Protein backbone atom coordinates (compact mmCIF):
# COMPACT_ATOMS: atom_id res chain seq x y z
CA MET A 1 14.50 6.39 15.28
CA PHE A 2 16.09 4.93 12.38
CA ILE A 3 15.45 1.43 13.47
CA THR A 4 11.89 2.33 13.68
CA TYR A 5 11.92 3.77 10.52
CA LEU A 6 13.52 0.68 9.03
CA VAL A 7 11.38 -1.85 10.64
CA VAL A 8 8.05 -0.02 9.71
CA ALA A 9 9.39 0.44 6.20
CA VAL A 10 10.50 -3.12 5.53
CA VAL A 11 6.94 -4.01 6.78
CA THR A 12 5.44 -1.64 4.20
CA ILE A 13 7.67 -2.80 1.52
CA ALA A 14 6.71 -6.55 2.11
CA ILE A 15 2.85 -6.18 2.54
CA ASN A 16 2.65 -3.98 -0.54
CA GLY A 17 5.05 -6.30 -2.46
CA GLY A 18 3.10 -8.97 -1.70
CA MET A 19 -0.34 -7.63 -2.52
CA ALA A 20 1.17 -6.47 -5.80
CA ILE A 21 1.98 -10.24 -6.77
CA ALA A 22 -1.35 -11.30 -5.63
CA ASP A 23 -2.95 -8.71 -7.95
CA PHE A 24 -0.85 -9.89 -10.83
CA ALA A 25 -1.52 -13.44 -10.13
CA ARG A 26 -5.23 -12.62 -10.00
CA ALA A 27 -5.50 -14.44 -6.61
CA ASP A 28 -8.91 -15.49 -5.59
CA PHE A 29 -9.19 -13.35 -2.54
CA VAL A 30 -8.19 -10.46 -4.76
CA LEU A 31 -10.89 -11.45 -7.42
CA ALA A 32 -13.50 -11.77 -4.71
CA ASN A 33 -12.70 -8.65 -2.81
CA SER A 34 -12.50 -6.17 -6.14
CA ALA A 35 -15.78 -7.92 -7.04
CA ALA A 36 -17.52 -6.79 -3.58
CA VAL A 37 -16.09 -3.30 -3.93
CA ARG A 38 -17.13 -3.05 -7.54
CA PHE A 39 -13.67 -2.58 -8.64
CA PRO A 40 -13.30 -3.38 -12.23
CA ARG A 41 -11.19 -6.68 -13.06
CA SER A 42 -9.53 -4.89 -15.94
CA LEU A 43 -7.68 -2.33 -13.29
CA ILE A 44 -6.46 -4.73 -11.04
CA PRO A 45 -2.99 -5.03 -12.74
CA VAL A 46 -2.76 -1.40 -12.33
CA ALA A 47 -3.56 -1.55 -8.82
CA GLY A 48 -0.78 -4.19 -8.63
CA ALA A 49 1.73 -1.83 -10.49
CA LEU A 50 0.74 0.97 -8.29
CA LYS A 51 1.26 -1.27 -5.00
CA GLY A 52 4.51 -2.37 -6.62
CA ALA A 53 5.93 0.86 -7.42
CA GLY A 54 5.15 2.09 -4.02
CA ALA A 55 6.89 -0.80 -2.34
CA LEU A 56 9.95 -0.25 -4.78
CA GLY A 57 10.08 3.46 -4.03
CA VAL A 58 10.03 2.85 -0.28
CA LEU A 59 12.88 0.39 -0.70
CA ILE A 60 14.70 3.10 -3.09
CA GLY A 61 14.21 5.53 -0.14
CA LEU A 62 15.58 3.16 2.45
CA LEU A 63 18.79 2.84 0.46
CA GLY A 64 19.38 6.68 0.23
CA ALA A 65 17.31 8.43 -1.97
CA ARG A 66 14.96 9.82 0.79
CA PRO A 67 12.77 12.08 -1.52
CA ILE A 68 11.66 8.88 -3.92
CA GLY A 69 10.93 7.10 -0.47
CA ILE A 70 8.59 9.94 0.66
CA ALA A 71 6.88 10.19 -2.53
CA ALA A 72 6.14 6.64 -2.87
CA ALA A 73 5.12 6.60 0.91
CA LEU A 74 2.68 9.25 0.03
CA GLY A 75 1.32 7.55 -2.91
CA LEU A 76 0.55 4.61 -0.86
CA VAL A 77 -1.04 6.64 1.70
CA LEU A 78 -3.35 8.18 -0.85
CA TYR A 79 -3.87 4.74 -2.67
CA PHE A 80 -5.13 3.35 0.61
CA ALA A 81 -7.33 6.39 1.64
CA ILE A 82 -9.02 5.95 -1.46
CA ALA A 83 -9.43 2.23 -0.90
CA LEU A 84 -10.79 2.84 2.80
CA VAL A 85 -13.35 5.35 1.01
CA VAL A 86 -14.40 2.80 -1.45
CA HIS A 87 -14.98 0.25 1.05
CA VAL A 88 -16.93 2.29 3.19
CA ARG A 89 -18.94 3.74 0.22
CA THR A 90 -19.74 0.04 -0.79
CA GLY A 91 -20.46 -1.16 2.56
CA VAL A 92 -17.76 -3.89 2.64
CA ILE A 93 -16.74 -3.35 6.15
CA ARG A 94 -16.20 -6.88 6.97
CA ASN A 95 -12.60 -6.71 5.59
CA ILE A 96 -11.53 -3.10 5.93
CA ALA A 97 -8.92 -3.98 8.52
CA PHE A 98 -6.70 -4.83 5.66
CA PRO A 99 -6.76 -1.69 3.75
CA GLY A 100 -6.69 0.07 7.14
CA ALA A 101 -3.40 -1.64 7.98
CA TYR A 102 -1.85 -0.85 4.88
CA PHE A 103 -2.81 2.57 5.18
CA ALA A 104 -1.52 2.84 8.77
CA PHE A 105 1.51 1.35 7.77
CA ALA A 106 2.04 3.64 4.60
CA ALA A 107 1.29 6.80 6.94
CA ALA A 108 3.78 5.58 9.44
CA THR A 109 6.21 5.10 6.64
CA LEU A 110 5.68 8.52 5.46
CA ALA A 111 5.67 10.32 8.88
CA LEU A 112 9.17 8.45 9.90
CA ALA A 113 10.72 9.40 6.44
CA VAL A 114 9.56 12.91 6.85
CA ALA A 115 10.83 13.26 10.53
CA GLY A 116 14.03 12.06 9.25
CA ARG A 117 16.79 9.33 10.35
């Protein structure tokens, strides 16, 4: 079970850390997607900070502070649940697989962290 948790958590860390960097860099695809779902440009750094904090928290959880990892994974689950709702409400379905995949990895990380090692 620990190997599964490790792999899923590392993927969660990598994808959220990568997206945080893309948010802070204001990558073209981030700006385009944000505009499509009517997410204010001024909040993109906040979104990056949330994703980065989630990735860091999951890493800290892997390193032994399990409650922090659980809280971080829960935060990512909530973040991406909201992102999915925003995509559906704005009708931007063409790329919903991305927040869906991030949500799935965060949820799997949360479930495996709660289940124990």
